[in-house]
Every structure is written in structure tokens, then in C-alpha cells.
Amino acid sequence: MEQRTIADDLAEEVRSACLGMRVTRLHRVVARIYEQELQTAGLSLPQMEILTVLISAAGPVRPAVLAARMMAERSTVSRNLALMQEKGWVTAAETSPTGRAMSVAITGTGTAAFTSATTAWRSAQTTAARMLGPDATPVLDQWLEIDTEIASGSDADNSGRPSTAQAGETAP
């Protein structure tokens, strides 16, 4: 019976205070706004982000670098790149002699797909900004800059996950 009491107490604490669950819920709500709008242009939010990074890049970008800049799992980026390559939005621009490392670049078709999403993205942006308030962008940017090593992907194992020391650090 004691185990059940501890579980009930913990469940109440988690329900009333868990930041992780709240951030996850907020992510779902905001992502849904963008996904619904962007689907009219044939894009997903991760694809829009990949195209944004590629357009802003000075040249071809390695998928691992894309994942680090997006703070995303490499497998998520790879899956999206494969779909985007099938659609002709990106192309393998450079491949190592072993074929294991490559860089990708946006194509003209990718640029056209990106720009075709202008109205959809702006509509989603307006809805999200109205929902989150005028200070949302600088506040979120501040939160995302809490650990610049994670943001830059320069952690020791280069996995995009925090190191043991970083994992224990807390947000201000």
C-alpha cells in the first residue's frame, strides 16, 4: 500500500509541476498550427526548417550539421532528406570517397517549394504569435541559447545530446 501512496504523491507532483510535459504539450499545439498550414504547400515543419538552413548556408551542408543546427535527431533529418531528395528539393552535392559522408544542397525545385509555402508559413506564424504573445520569439531564443555547445553541436560525442555534465545543468 505504501508504494501506491508514493506513486499517487509523485503523480500529483508531476501533474502539477512537470516542465517537460508542459513543454511537450506546447510543442504539440504549436507544431500542429504550422503542420496544418504547411501541408497546404506540401511541406512539413521539419522540411521547412531543413530548407531554411540550406537556403541560409553558404554551400552544401552535412546531415549531421543540419541535425545539430536544428537540435534534432540525425535519423529524423535523414528521413526527411530522403523524402526531400525523392521530391527533387535537395541533392547530394558532395560525397566522400567511401560514400559514407555526404553533403546536401537545396535545388531550384526546393527553393520553389520553400517559397510556395510563404502564405502558409506566415498564416501559421501569425496564429502562433497571437497565441504565445509578443515576447515569445526573444524568450524562446533565450531558452534555446541556455547551452550554446548543444546548439552548435560541438559536444564531445557529437550526438546532439548533452554530455553528462551538461545534462545536470539547469535553465536560469
N, C-alpha and C. Protein backbone atom coordinates (compact mmCIF):
# COMPACT_ATOMS: atom_id res chain seq x y z
N MET A 1 0.82 -1.20 0.00
CA MET A 1 0.00 0.00 0.00
C MET A 1 0.86 1.26 0.00
N GLU A 2 2.03 1.21 0.66
CA GLU A 2 2.91 2.36 0.72
C GLU A 2 3.39 2.75 -0.68
N GLN A 3 3.69 1.77 -1.52
CA GLN A 3 4.13 2.03 -2.90
C GLN A 3 3.06 2.84 -3.64
N ARG A 4 1.80 2.49 -3.44
CA ARG A 4 0.70 3.19 -4.11
C ARG A 4 0.61 4.64 -3.62
N THR A 5 0.83 4.89 -2.35
CA THR A 5 0.79 6.23 -1.81
C THR A 5 1.92 7.08 -2.39
N ILE A 6 3.11 6.48 -2.46
CA ILE A 6 4.24 7.19 -3.07
C ILE A 6 3.93 7.51 -4.52
N ALA A 7 3.38 6.55 -5.26
CA ALA A 7 3.04 6.76 -6.66
C ALA A 7 1.98 7.85 -6.81
N ASP A 8 0.98 7.83 -5.96
CA ASP A 8 -0.07 8.87 -6.01
C ASP A 8 0.52 10.26 -5.76
N ASP A 9 1.40 10.34 -4.75
CA ASP A 9 2.04 11.62 -4.43
C ASP A 9 2.90 12.10 -5.60
N LEU A 10 3.68 11.18 -6.17
CA LEU A 10 4.53 11.56 -7.30
C LEU A 10 3.68 11.97 -8.50
N ALA A 11 2.61 11.25 -8.76
CA ALA A 11 1.72 11.59 -9.89
C ALA A 11 1.16 13.00 -9.70
N GLU A 12 0.76 13.34 -8.51
CA GLU A 12 0.23 14.68 -8.24
C GLU A 12 1.31 15.74 -8.44
N GLU A 13 2.53 15.45 -7.97
CA GLU A 13 3.64 16.39 -8.14
C GLU A 13 3.96 16.59 -9.62
N VAL A 14 4.04 15.50 -10.36
CA VAL A 14 4.33 15.58 -11.80
C VAL A 14 3.22 16.35 -12.51
N ARG A 15 1.97 15.99 -12.20
CA ARG A 15 0.82 16.63 -12.85
C ARG A 15 0.80 18.14 -12.58
N SER A 16 1.17 18.54 -11.37
CA SER A 16 1.08 19.96 -11.02
C SER A 16 2.31 20.78 -11.38
N ALA A 17 3.47 20.13 -11.64
CA ALA A 17 4.68 20.93 -11.81
C ALA A 17 5.61 20.55 -12.97
N CYS A 18 5.38 19.45 -13.66
CA CYS A 18 6.36 18.97 -14.63
C CYS A 18 6.53 19.92 -15.83
N LEU A 19 7.70 20.49 -15.93
CA LEU A 19 8.02 21.38 -17.04
C LEU A 19 8.11 20.61 -18.35
N GLY A 20 8.70 19.42 -18.30
CA GLY A 20 8.86 18.61 -19.51
C GLY A 20 7.54 18.32 -20.19
N MET A 21 6.54 17.92 -19.41
CA MET A 21 5.23 17.62 -20.01
C MET A 21 4.58 18.89 -20.56
N ARG A 22 4.75 20.00 -19.88
CA ARG A 22 4.16 21.25 -20.36
C ARG A 22 4.81 21.70 -21.68
N VAL A 23 6.14 21.60 -21.74
CA VAL A 23 6.84 21.98 -22.96
C VAL A 23 6.43 21.04 -24.11
N THR A 24 6.31 19.76 -23.81
CA THR A 24 5.89 18.79 -24.83
C THR A 24 4.50 19.12 -25.34
N ARG A 25 3.59 19.44 -24.45
CA ARG A 25 2.22 19.80 -24.87
C ARG A 25 2.23 21.07 -25.70
N LEU A 26 3.00 22.06 -25.25
CA LEU A 26 3.09 23.31 -26.01
C LEU A 26 3.65 23.03 -27.41
N HIS A 27 4.67 22.19 -27.49
CA HIS A 27 5.24 21.80 -28.78
C HIS A 27 4.15 21.21 -29.68
N ARG A 28 3.35 20.31 -29.14
CA ARG A 28 2.30 19.68 -29.96
C ARG A 28 1.31 20.71 -30.48
N VAL A 29 0.90 21.64 -29.62
CA VAL A 29 -0.07 22.66 -30.02
C VAL A 29 0.50 23.55 -31.11
N VAL A 30 1.70 24.06 -30.89
CA VAL A 30 2.32 24.98 -31.86
C VAL A 30 2.67 24.24 -33.15
N ALA A 31 3.25 23.05 -33.04
CA ALA A 31 3.60 22.29 -34.24
C ALA A 31 2.35 21.99 -35.07
N ARG A 32 1.25 21.68 -34.42
CA ARG A 32 0.00 21.38 -35.14
C ARG A 32 -0.44 22.59 -35.98
N ILE A 33 -0.28 23.79 -35.43
CA ILE A 33 -0.64 25.02 -36.17
C ILE A 33 0.17 25.10 -37.46
N TYR A 34 1.48 24.92 -37.35
CA TYR A 34 2.34 25.02 -38.52
C TYR A 34 2.11 23.86 -39.49
N GLU A 35 1.97 22.66 -38.97
CA GLU A 35 1.77 21.48 -39.83
C GLU A 35 0.49 21.63 -40.66
N GLN A 36 -0.59 22.09 -40.02
CA GLN A 36 -1.85 22.25 -40.76
C GLN A 36 -1.72 23.27 -41.89
N GLU A 37 -1.03 24.34 -41.63
CA GLU A 37 -0.85 25.37 -42.67
C GLU A 37 0.12 24.89 -43.75
N LEU A 38 1.26 24.35 -43.33
CA LEU A 38 2.30 23.96 -44.29
C LEU A 38 1.88 22.80 -45.18
N GLN A 39 0.98 21.94 -44.70
CA GLN A 39 0.55 20.82 -45.54
C GLN A 39 -0.14 21.31 -46.80
N THR A 40 -0.69 22.51 -46.78
CA THR A 40 -1.31 23.06 -47.99
C THR A 40 -0.27 23.34 -49.07
N ALA A 41 0.98 23.51 -48.64
CA ALA A 41 2.09 23.74 -49.58
C ALA A 41 2.90 22.46 -49.80
N GLY A 42 2.46 21.36 -49.19
CA GLY A 42 3.15 20.08 -49.37
C GLY A 42 4.41 19.92 -48.54
N LEU A 43 4.54 20.72 -47.51
CA LEU A 43 5.73 20.67 -46.65
C LEU A 43 5.35 20.31 -45.22
N SER A 44 6.30 19.72 -44.51
CA SER A 44 6.15 19.52 -43.07
C SER A 44 7.02 20.58 -42.38
N LEU A 45 6.80 20.76 -41.09
CA LEU A 45 7.61 21.74 -40.36
C LEU A 45 9.10 21.37 -40.36
N PRO A 46 9.48 20.10 -40.13
CA PRO A 46 10.91 19.78 -40.21
C PRO A 46 11.49 20.03 -41.60
N GLN A 47 10.72 19.77 -42.65
CA GLN A 47 11.21 20.03 -44.01
C GLN A 47 11.39 21.52 -44.24
N MET A 48 10.48 22.32 -43.71
CA MET A 48 10.60 23.78 -43.82
C MET A 48 11.87 24.24 -43.11
N GLU A 49 12.15 23.65 -41.95
CA GLU A 49 13.35 24.04 -41.21
C GLU A 49 14.61 23.62 -41.96
N ILE A 50 14.62 22.44 -42.54
CA ILE A 50 15.78 21.99 -43.31
C ILE A 50 16.01 22.92 -44.50
N LEU A 51 14.96 23.24 -45.21
CA LEU A 51 15.10 24.15 -46.36
C LEU A 51 15.60 25.52 -45.92
N THR A 52 15.13 26.00 -44.77
CA THR A 52 15.58 27.28 -44.24
C THR A 52 17.09 27.26 -43.98
N VAL A 53 17.56 26.19 -43.35
CA VAL A 53 19.00 26.06 -43.07
C VAL A 53 19.79 26.01 -44.38
N LEU A 54 19.31 25.22 -45.34
CA LEU A 54 20.03 25.07 -46.61
C LEU A 54 20.07 26.36 -47.40
N ILE A 55 18.98 27.12 -47.39
CA ILE A 55 18.96 28.39 -48.11
C ILE A 55 19.93 29.38 -47.46
N SER A 56 20.01 29.34 -46.15
CA SER A 56 20.89 30.26 -45.41
C SER A 56 22.35 29.85 -45.46
N ALA A 57 22.64 28.61 -45.82
CA ALA A 57 24.02 28.10 -45.83
C ALA A 57 24.79 28.66 -47.02
N ALA A 58 26.08 28.77 -46.83
CA ALA A 58 26.95 29.28 -47.89
C ALA A 58 27.25 28.22 -48.95
N GLY A 59 26.91 26.97 -48.67
CA GLY A 59 27.18 25.88 -49.59
C GLY A 59 26.54 24.61 -49.08
N PRO A 60 26.94 23.47 -49.61
CA PRO A 60 26.38 22.19 -49.16
C PRO A 60 26.62 21.98 -47.65
N VAL A 61 25.69 21.25 -47.03
CA VAL A 61 25.73 21.02 -45.59
C VAL A 61 25.63 19.53 -45.32
N ARG A 62 26.46 19.04 -44.39
CA ARG A 62 26.37 17.63 -43.98
C ARG A 62 25.13 17.40 -43.14
N PRO A 63 24.46 16.27 -43.29
CA PRO A 63 23.27 15.98 -42.48
C PRO A 63 23.51 16.09 -40.98
N ALA A 64 24.69 15.71 -40.51
CA ALA A 64 24.99 15.82 -39.08
C ALA A 64 25.00 17.28 -38.63
N VAL A 65 25.46 18.16 -39.50
CA VAL A 65 25.47 19.59 -39.18
C VAL A 65 24.03 20.12 -39.18
N LEU A 66 23.22 19.67 -40.14
CA LEU A 66 21.80 20.05 -40.15
C LEU A 66 21.14 19.64 -38.84
N ALA A 67 21.36 18.41 -38.43
CA ALA A 67 20.76 17.90 -37.20
C ALA A 67 21.19 18.74 -35.99
N ALA A 68 22.46 19.08 -35.94
CA ALA A 68 22.96 19.88 -34.82
C ALA A 68 22.32 21.27 -34.83
N ARG A 69 22.25 21.90 -35.98
CA ARG A 69 21.65 23.25 -36.05
C ARG A 69 20.18 23.22 -35.68
N MET A 70 19.51 22.13 -36.03
CA MET A 70 18.08 22.01 -35.74
C MET A 70 17.81 21.44 -34.35
N MET A 71 18.88 20.99 -33.67
CA MET A 71 18.74 20.30 -32.39
C MET A 71 17.79 19.11 -32.54
N ALA A 72 17.99 18.37 -33.63
CA ALA A 72 17.13 17.23 -33.97
C ALA A 72 17.96 15.96 -34.04
N GLU A 73 17.28 14.85 -33.97
CA GLU A 73 17.96 13.57 -34.12
C GLU A 73 18.43 13.42 -35.57
N ARG A 74 19.59 12.83 -35.75
CA ARG A 74 20.12 12.62 -37.11
C ARG A 74 19.17 11.76 -37.93
N SER A 75 18.54 10.76 -37.30
CA SER A 75 17.63 9.88 -38.04
C SER A 75 16.43 10.65 -38.58
N THR A 76 15.94 11.62 -37.83
CA THR A 76 14.81 12.45 -38.28
C THR A 76 15.23 13.26 -39.50
N VAL A 77 16.42 13.85 -39.43
CA VAL A 77 16.93 14.65 -40.55
C VAL A 77 17.15 13.75 -41.76
N SER A 78 17.73 12.58 -41.55
CA SER A 78 17.99 11.66 -42.67
C SER A 78 16.70 11.22 -43.35
N ARG A 79 15.68 10.90 -42.56
CA ARG A 79 14.38 10.50 -43.13
C ARG A 79 13.80 11.63 -43.98
N ASN A 80 13.83 12.85 -43.44
CA ASN A 80 13.30 13.98 -44.19
C ASN A 80 14.13 14.28 -45.43
N LEU A 81 15.45 14.17 -45.33
CA LEU A 81 16.29 14.40 -46.50
C LEU A 81 15.99 13.38 -47.60
N ALA A 82 15.76 12.13 -47.22
CA ALA A 82 15.45 11.10 -48.22
C ALA A 82 14.15 11.45 -48.95
N LEU A 83 13.13 11.87 -48.21
CA LEU A 83 11.86 12.27 -48.83
C LEU A 83 12.05 13.50 -49.71
N MET A 84 12.84 14.44 -49.22
CA MET A 84 13.07 15.67 -49.96
C MET A 84 13.89 15.42 -51.22
N GLN A 85 14.79 14.45 -51.15
CA GLN A 85 15.59 14.10 -52.33
C GLN A 85 14.69 13.46 -53.39
N GLU A 86 13.75 12.61 -52.95
CA GLU A 86 12.79 11.99 -53.88
C GLU A 86 11.96 13.05 -54.59
N LYS A 87 11.63 14.12 -53.88
CA LYS A 87 10.82 15.21 -54.46
C LYS A 87 11.67 16.17 -55.29
N GLY A 88 12.99 15.98 -55.25
CA GLY A 88 13.88 16.84 -56.02
C GLY A 88 14.19 18.16 -55.34
N TRP A 89 13.92 18.27 -54.04
CA TRP A 89 14.14 19.52 -53.32
C TRP A 89 15.59 19.68 -52.87
N VAL A 90 16.27 18.56 -52.64
CA VAL A 90 17.68 18.59 -52.24
C VAL A 90 18.43 17.57 -53.08
N THR A 91 19.72 17.78 -53.16
CA THR A 91 20.56 16.84 -53.89
C THR A 91 21.85 16.60 -53.11
N ALA A 92 22.40 15.41 -53.27
CA ALA A 92 23.70 15.13 -52.67
C ALA A 92 24.73 15.92 -53.47
N ALA A 93 25.36 16.87 -52.82
CA ALA A 93 26.28 17.76 -53.52
C ALA A 93 27.70 17.26 -53.47
N GLU A 94 28.05 16.60 -52.39
CA GLU A 94 29.40 16.09 -52.22
C GLU A 94 29.31 14.76 -51.50
N THR A 95 30.08 13.81 -51.92
CA THR A 95 30.13 12.52 -51.24
C THR A 95 31.59 12.13 -51.08
N SER A 96 31.91 11.59 -49.91
CA SER A 96 33.30 11.19 -49.65
C SER A 96 33.65 9.98 -50.52
N PRO A 97 34.92 9.70 -50.71
CA PRO A 97 35.33 8.53 -51.50
C PRO A 97 34.76 7.21 -50.98
N THR A 98 34.53 7.13 -49.66
CA THR A 98 33.98 5.89 -49.10
C THR A 98 32.47 5.83 -49.26
N GLY A 99 31.85 6.96 -49.59
CA GLY A 99 30.40 7.00 -49.74
C GLY A 99 29.65 7.13 -48.42
N ARG A 100 30.40 7.20 -47.33
CA ARG A 100 29.75 7.27 -46.01
C ARG A 100 29.36 8.69 -45.62
N ALA A 101 30.09 9.68 -46.08
CA ALA A 101 29.80 11.07 -45.72
C ALA A 101 29.35 11.82 -46.95
N MET A 102 28.31 12.60 -46.80
CA MET A 102 27.85 13.40 -47.91
C MET A 102 27.37 14.75 -47.39
N SER A 103 27.23 15.66 -48.31
CA SER A 103 26.66 16.96 -48.02
C SER A 103 25.48 17.14 -48.96
N VAL A 104 24.52 17.93 -48.53
CA VAL A 104 23.34 18.17 -49.35
C VAL A 104 23.21 19.65 -49.64
N ALA A 105 22.56 19.93 -50.75
CA ALA A 105 22.30 21.31 -51.15
C ALA A 105 20.86 21.40 -51.64
N ILE A 106 20.30 22.57 -51.51
CA ILE A 106 18.94 22.79 -52.00
C ILE A 106 18.98 22.95 -53.52
N THR A 107 17.94 22.48 -54.18
CA THR A 107 17.83 22.62 -55.63
C THR A 107 16.88 23.77 -55.96
N GLY A 108 16.78 24.10 -57.22
CA GLY A 108 15.81 25.10 -57.65
C GLY A 108 14.39 24.68 -57.30
N THR A 109 14.10 23.39 -57.44
CA THR A 109 12.78 22.88 -57.09
C THR A 109 12.54 23.03 -55.59
N GLY A 110 13.58 22.83 -54.79
CA GLY A 110 13.46 23.02 -53.35
C GLY A 110 13.22 24.47 -52.99
N THR A 111 13.90 25.36 -53.67
CA THR A 111 13.68 26.79 -53.43
C THR A 111 12.25 27.17 -53.80
N ALA A 112 11.75 26.61 -54.90
CA ALA A 112 10.37 26.88 -55.31
C ALA A 112 9.37 26.33 -54.29
N ALA A 113 9.63 25.13 -53.76
CA ALA A 113 8.75 24.54 -52.74
C ALA A 113 8.76 25.41 -51.49
N PHE A 114 9.94 25.87 -51.11
CA PHE A 114 10.08 26.73 -49.94
C PHE A 114 9.29 28.02 -50.11
N THR A 115 9.49 28.69 -51.23
CA THR A 115 8.80 29.97 -51.44
C THR A 115 7.30 29.79 -51.63
N SER A 116 6.87 28.62 -52.10
CA SER A 116 5.43 28.38 -52.27
C SER A 116 4.72 28.28 -50.92
N ALA A 117 5.50 28.10 -49.85
CA ALA A 117 4.93 27.99 -48.51
C ALA A 117 4.85 29.34 -47.79
N THR A 118 5.16 30.42 -48.48
CA THR A 118 5.19 31.74 -47.85
C THR A 118 3.88 32.07 -47.14
N THR A 119 2.77 31.99 -47.84
CA THR A 119 1.47 32.35 -47.26
C THR A 119 1.12 31.41 -46.11
N ALA A 120 1.34 30.13 -46.29
CA ALA A 120 1.02 29.15 -45.24
C ALA A 120 1.86 29.41 -43.99
N TRP A 121 3.15 29.62 -44.17
CA TRP A 121 4.02 29.86 -43.02
C TRP A 121 3.63 31.15 -42.31
N ARG A 122 3.37 32.20 -43.07
CA ARG A 122 3.00 33.48 -42.45
C ARG A 122 1.69 33.37 -41.68
N SER A 123 0.76 32.61 -42.20
CA SER A 123 -0.51 32.39 -41.50
C SER A 123 -0.27 31.65 -40.18
N ALA A 124 0.53 30.60 -40.22
CA ALA A 124 0.84 29.85 -39.01
C ALA A 124 1.59 30.73 -38.02
N GLN A 125 2.53 31.51 -38.51
CA GLN A 125 3.32 32.40 -37.67
C GLN A 125 2.42 33.40 -36.96
N THR A 126 1.47 33.97 -37.67
CA THR A 126 0.54 34.94 -37.08
C THR A 126 -0.30 34.28 -35.98
N THR A 127 -0.80 33.09 -36.25
CA THR A 127 -1.62 32.37 -35.27
C THR A 127 -0.79 32.03 -34.03
N ALA A 128 0.40 31.50 -34.23
CA ALA A 128 1.26 31.13 -33.10
C ALA A 128 1.67 32.36 -32.30
N ALA A 129 2.03 33.43 -32.97
CA ALA A 129 2.44 34.66 -32.28
C ALA A 129 1.29 35.24 -31.47
N ARG A 130 0.10 35.19 -32.02
CA ARG A 130 -1.07 35.68 -31.29
C ARG A 130 -1.31 34.82 -30.04
N MET A 131 -1.15 33.52 -30.19
CA MET A 131 -1.37 32.59 -29.08
C MET A 131 -0.29 32.74 -27.99
N LEU A 132 0.97 32.87 -28.39
CA LEU A 132 2.08 32.89 -27.43
C LEU A 132 2.43 34.27 -26.91
N GLY A 133 2.02 35.31 -27.61
CA GLY A 133 2.29 36.67 -27.16
C GLY A 133 3.48 37.30 -27.86
N PRO A 134 3.60 38.61 -27.73
CA PRO A 134 4.61 39.37 -28.47
C PRO A 134 6.05 39.09 -28.06
N ASP A 135 6.27 38.58 -26.87
CA ASP A 135 7.63 38.33 -26.40
C ASP A 135 8.08 36.89 -26.65
N ALA A 136 7.28 36.10 -27.33
CA ALA A 136 7.58 34.68 -27.49
C ALA A 136 8.92 34.43 -28.18
N THR A 137 9.19 35.12 -29.27
CA THR A 137 10.43 34.86 -30.01
C THR A 137 11.67 35.13 -29.17
N PRO A 138 11.82 36.31 -28.55
CA PRO A 138 13.04 36.52 -27.76
C PRO A 138 13.13 35.60 -26.54
N VAL A 139 12.01 35.28 -25.92
CA VAL A 139 12.04 34.39 -24.76
C VAL A 139 12.47 32.99 -25.19
N LEU A 140 11.88 32.48 -26.25
CA LEU A 140 12.26 31.15 -26.74
C LEU A 140 13.72 31.13 -27.19
N ASP A 141 14.15 32.18 -27.87
CA ASP A 141 15.56 32.25 -28.28
C ASP A 141 16.48 32.22 -27.07
N GLN A 142 16.12 32.93 -26.01
CA GLN A 142 16.92 32.93 -24.79
C GLN A 142 16.97 31.53 -24.20
N TRP A 143 15.85 30.85 -24.13
CA TRP A 143 15.82 29.50 -23.58
C TRP A 143 16.66 28.54 -24.42
N LEU A 144 16.61 28.70 -25.74
CA LEU A 144 17.35 27.81 -26.62
C LEU A 144 18.85 28.07 -26.59
N GLU A 145 19.26 29.22 -26.11
CA GLU A 145 20.68 29.56 -26.01
C GLU A 145 21.27 29.21 -24.65
N ILE A 146 20.51 28.51 -23.82
CA ILE A 146 20.97 28.15 -22.48
C ILE A 146 22.31 27.43 -22.55
N ASP A 147 22.47 26.53 -23.48
CA ASP A 147 23.73 25.82 -23.63
C ASP A 147 24.15 25.90 -25.08
N THR A 148 25.04 26.82 -25.39
CA THR A 148 25.45 27.02 -26.78
C THR A 148 26.22 25.84 -27.34
N GLU A 149 26.84 25.01 -26.50
CA GLU A 149 27.53 23.83 -27.01
C GLU A 149 26.53 22.85 -27.61
N ILE A 150 25.38 22.67 -26.97
CA ILE A 150 24.37 21.79 -27.53
C ILE A 150 23.85 22.39 -28.83
N ALA A 151 23.57 23.69 -28.82
CA ALA A 151 23.03 24.36 -30.00
C ALA A 151 23.98 24.27 -31.18
N SER A 152 25.27 24.34 -30.93
CA SER A 152 26.23 24.31 -32.03
C SER A 152 26.62 22.90 -32.42
N GLY A 153 26.19 21.93 -31.62
CA GLY A 153 26.53 20.54 -31.93
C GLY A 153 27.97 20.21 -31.65
N SER A 154 28.63 20.98 -30.78
CA SER A 154 30.04 20.75 -30.54
C SER A 154 30.30 19.93 -29.28
N ASP A 155 29.29 19.24 -28.78
CA ASP A 155 29.53 18.41 -27.61
C ASP A 155 30.48 17.27 -27.98
N ALA A 156 31.11 16.69 -27.00
CA ALA A 156 32.21 15.75 -27.22
C ALA A 156 31.84 14.57 -28.10
N ASP A 157 30.66 13.99 -27.89
CA ASP A 157 30.33 12.81 -28.70
C ASP A 157 29.61 13.17 -29.99
N ASN A 158 29.33 14.47 -30.17
CA ASN A 158 28.73 14.98 -31.40
C ASN A 158 27.40 14.30 -31.73
N SER A 159 26.68 13.83 -30.71
CA SER A 159 25.41 13.15 -30.92
C SER A 159 24.25 14.12 -30.91
N GLY A 160 24.49 15.35 -30.48
CA GLY A 160 23.40 16.30 -30.36
C GLY A 160 22.74 16.19 -28.99
N ARG A 161 23.15 15.21 -28.16
CA ARG A 161 22.63 15.07 -26.81
C ARG A 161 23.63 15.68 -25.85
N PRO A 162 23.13 16.21 -24.72
CA PRO A 162 24.05 16.81 -23.77
C PRO A 162 24.98 15.77 -23.16
N SER A 163 26.19 16.21 -22.82
CA SER A 163 27.10 15.34 -22.10
C SER A 163 26.58 15.18 -20.68
N THR A 164 27.20 14.31 -19.90
CA THR A 164 26.76 14.08 -18.53
C THR A 164 26.75 15.38 -17.74
N ALA A 165 27.80 16.17 -17.87
CA ALA A 165 27.87 17.44 -17.15
C ALA A 165 26.77 18.38 -17.61
N GLN A 166 26.53 18.44 -18.92
CA GLN A 166 25.52 19.34 -19.45
C GLN A 166 24.13 18.89 -19.04
N ALA A 167 23.90 17.60 -18.98
CA ALA A 167 22.57 17.08 -18.66
C ALA A 167 22.14 17.50 -17.26
N GLY A 168 23.09 17.71 -16.35
CA GLY A 168 22.76 18.09 -15.00
C GLY A 168 22.55 19.58 -14.82
N GLU A 169 22.91 20.36 -15.80
CA GLU A 169 22.76 21.81 -15.69
C GLU A 169 21.29 22.18 -15.83
N THR A 170 20.91 23.25 -15.18
CA THR A 170 19.52 23.68 -15.23
C THR A 170 19.42 25.04 -15.89
N ALA A 171 18.22 25.32 -16.37
CA ALA A 171 17.95 26.59 -17.03
C ALA A 171 17.88 27.71 -15.99
N PRO A 172 18.25 28.93 -16.38
CA PRO A 172 18.13 30.05 -15.44
C PRO A 172 16.68 30.38 -15.18
